[in-house]
Structures are given as structure tokens and as C-alpha cells.
Amino acid sequence: MAHLLGSKACIDSLRADIDDLQNVIHEIIAKTGSVKCHSWKFPDKLATDVDIKELFNRYRYGKNEVDNQVTHIILFELIID
């Protein structure tokens, strides 16, 4: 599985999964109200204050293999968060 780390397909899939999760979270918050909990990945922010669009701009597939591996891990951590 290590050969998949940083692959374009995995990064694209993680981005789609994060986008889907964000949509579901926003639907739930709209019905139940906001819950104040801190982000695991960014403990200085509330989970609802993490700017996913900004993170998508910063972490995307590119030409550098090491950067792609970091992007893969960051996106995976966002799913956990």
C-alpha cells in the first residue's frame, strides 16, 4: 500500500471524501445547531472554523513526490479530524 502514498488517484479520492463529509456535517449542523469542539489537527481552532477550501488550495497534487506524500497524509488526517 505504500506505493499508493501520494498518488493522484488517492489524493483526488481523499479530497472528494472530505468534500462529502463537509456537506454532511453542514447538513447536520443546520438541523441540530453548532457543536463547539476543537479540531484535532488544529487544536487552536474550533473544528467548524477550519477553512477546508484554503487547505485544498495549499494541499493538492503536484509534480513533487514528497509534497504529494505530505498532501496525502494531511488530507487523511483531515478525514480523521
C-alpha atoms as a PDB file:
ATOM      1  CA  MET A   1       0.000   0.000   0.000  1.00  0.00           C
ATOM      2  CA  ALA A   2       2.967   2.344   0.456  1.00  0.00           C
ATOM      3  CA  HIS A   3       3.215   2.638  -3.327  1.00  0.00           C
ATOM      4  CA  LEU A   4      -0.153   4.455  -3.289  1.00  0.00           C
ATOM      5  CA  LEU A   5       1.084   7.164  -0.896  1.00  0.00           C
ATOM      6  CA  GLY A   6       0.892  10.449  -2.769  1.00  0.00           C
ATOM      7  CA  SER A   7      -0.770   9.050  -5.883  1.00  0.00           C
ATOM      8  CA  LYS A   8      -3.073  11.374  -7.817  1.00  0.00           C
ATOM      9  CA  ALA A   9      -5.966   8.920  -7.559  1.00  0.00           C
ATOM     10  CA  CYS A  10      -5.667   8.710  -3.766  1.00  0.00           C
ATOM     11  CA  ILE A  11      -5.356  12.477  -3.339  1.00  0.00           C
ATOM     12  CA  ASP A  12      -8.369  13.083  -5.595  1.00  0.00           C
ATOM     13  CA  SER A  13     -10.359  10.466  -3.692  1.00  0.00           C
ATOM     14  CA  LEU A  14      -9.448  11.956  -0.306  1.00  0.00           C
ATOM     15  CA  ARG A  15     -10.432  15.436  -1.493  1.00  0.00           C
ATOM     16  CA  ALA A  16     -13.810  14.108  -2.675  1.00  0.00           C
ATOM     17  CA  ASP A  17     -14.332  12.287   0.630  1.00  0.00           C
ATOM     18  CA  ILE A  18     -13.526  15.432   2.627  1.00  0.00           C
ATOM     19  CA  ASP A  19     -15.919  17.447   0.482  1.00  0.00           C
ATOM     20  CA  ASP A  20     -18.671  14.854   1.041  1.00  0.00           C
ATOM     21  CA  LEU A  21     -18.033  14.839   4.790  1.00  0.00           C
ATOM     22  CA  GLN A  22     -18.160  18.644   4.920  1.00  0.00           C
ATOM     23  CA  ASN A  23     -21.523  18.642   3.158  1.00  0.00           C
ATOM     24  CA  VAL A  24     -22.961  16.093   5.587  1.00  0.00           C
ATOM     25  CA  ILE A  25     -21.570  17.986   8.583  1.00  0.00           C
ATOM     26  CA  HIS A  26     -23.131  21.240   7.349  1.00  0.00           C
ATOM     27  CA  GLU A  27     -26.491  19.476   6.907  1.00  0.00           C
ATOM     28  CA  ILE A  28     -26.336  18.107  10.448  1.00  0.00           C
ATOM     29  CA  ILE A  29     -25.314  21.476  11.912  1.00  0.00           C
ATOM     30  CA  ALA A  30     -28.182  23.153  10.061  1.00  0.00           C
ATOM     31  CA  LYS A  31     -30.630  20.779  11.768  1.00  0.00           C
ATOM     32  CA  THR A  32     -29.099  20.482  15.229  1.00  0.00           C
ATOM     33  CA  GLY A  33     -27.049  23.618  15.732  1.00  0.00           C
ATOM     34  CA  SER A  34     -23.326  24.022  16.059  1.00  0.00           C
ATOM     35  CA  VAL A  35     -21.286  21.948  18.491  1.00  0.00           C
ATOM     36  CA  LYS A  36     -18.203  23.599  19.952  1.00  0.00           C
ATOM     37  CA  CYS A  37     -15.299  21.201  19.778  1.00  0.00           C
ATOM     38  CA  HIS A  38     -11.686  21.826  18.927  1.00  0.00           C
ATOM     39  CA  SER A  39     -10.024  20.431  15.862  1.00  0.00           C
ATOM     40  CA  TRP A  40      -7.664  17.539  16.479  1.00  0.00           C
ATOM     41  CA  LYS A  41      -5.395  18.625  13.627  1.00  0.00           C
ATOM     42  CA  PHE A  42      -5.566  22.339  14.514  1.00  0.00           C
ATOM     43  CA  PRO A  43      -6.138  22.447  18.292  1.00  0.00           C
ATOM     44  CA  ASP A  44      -6.081  26.260  18.359  1.00  0.00           C
ATOM     45  CA  LYS A  45      -9.277  26.343  16.237  1.00  0.00           C
ATOM     46  CA  LEU A  46     -12.795  25.078  16.608  1.00  0.00           C
ATOM     47  CA  ALA A  47     -13.475  22.241  14.193  1.00  0.00           C
ATOM     48  CA  THR A  48     -16.099  24.353  12.428  1.00  0.00           C
ATOM     49  CA  ASP A  49     -13.545  27.153  11.880  1.00  0.00           C
ATOM     50  CA  VAL A  50     -11.076  25.064   9.867  1.00  0.00           C
ATOM     51  CA  ASP A  51     -11.035  26.507   6.342  1.00  0.00           C
ATOM     52  CA  ILE A  52     -11.210  23.441   4.107  1.00  0.00           C
ATOM     53  CA  LYS A  53     -11.064  25.475   0.882  1.00  0.00           C
ATOM     54  CA  GLU A  54      -7.823  27.113   1.997  1.00  0.00           C
ATOM     55  CA  LEU A  55      -6.376  23.714   2.886  1.00  0.00           C
ATOM     56  CA  PHE A  56      -7.458  22.344  -0.508  1.00  0.00           C
ATOM     57  CA  ASN A  57      -5.590  25.217  -2.165  1.00  0.00           C
ATOM     58  CA  ARG A  58      -2.475  24.538  -0.121  1.00  0.00           C
ATOM     59  CA  TYR A  59      -2.517  20.740  -0.331  1.00  0.00           C
ATOM     60  CA  ARG A  60      -3.069  19.385  -3.824  1.00  0.00           C
ATOM     61  CA  TYR A  61      -1.408  17.025  -6.254  1.00  0.00           C
ATOM     62  CA  GLY A  62       1.687  18.419  -7.940  1.00  0.00           C
ATOM     63  CA  LYS A  63       4.976  17.447  -9.533  1.00  0.00           C
ATOM     64  CA  ASN A  64       6.953  16.923  -6.319  1.00  0.00           C
ATOM     65  CA  GLU A  65       6.633  13.371  -4.978  1.00  0.00           C
ATOM     66  CA  VAL A  66       7.459  14.288  -1.371  1.00  0.00           C
ATOM     67  CA  ASP A  67       4.917  17.142  -1.394  1.00  0.00           C
ATOM     68  CA  ASN A  68       2.315  14.708  -2.732  1.00  0.00           C
ATOM     69  CA  GLN A  69       3.043  12.305   0.114  1.00  0.00           C
ATOM     70  CA  VAL A  70       2.655  15.119   2.658  1.00  0.00           C
ATOM     71  CA  THR A  71      -0.590  16.177   0.956  1.00  0.00           C
ATOM     72  CA  HIS A  72      -1.885  12.604   1.149  1.00  0.00           C
ATOM     73  CA  ILE A  73      -1.170  12.404   4.886  1.00  0.00           C
ATOM     74  CA  ILE A  74      -2.622  15.859   5.643  1.00  0.00           C
ATOM     75  CA  LEU A  75      -5.833  15.061   3.756  1.00  0.00           C
ATOM     76  CA  PHE A  76      -6.116  11.717   5.526  1.00  0.00           C
ATOM     77  CA  GLU A  77      -5.699  13.473   8.875  1.00  0.00           C
ATOM     78  CA  LEU A  78      -8.475  15.907   7.918  1.00  0.00           C
ATOM     79  CA  ILE A  79     -10.844  12.982   7.462  1.00  0.00           C
ATOM     80  CA  ILE A  80      -9.980  11.790  10.970  1.00  0.00           C
ATOM     81  CA  ASP A  81     -10.431  15.317  12.321  1.00  0.00           C
END
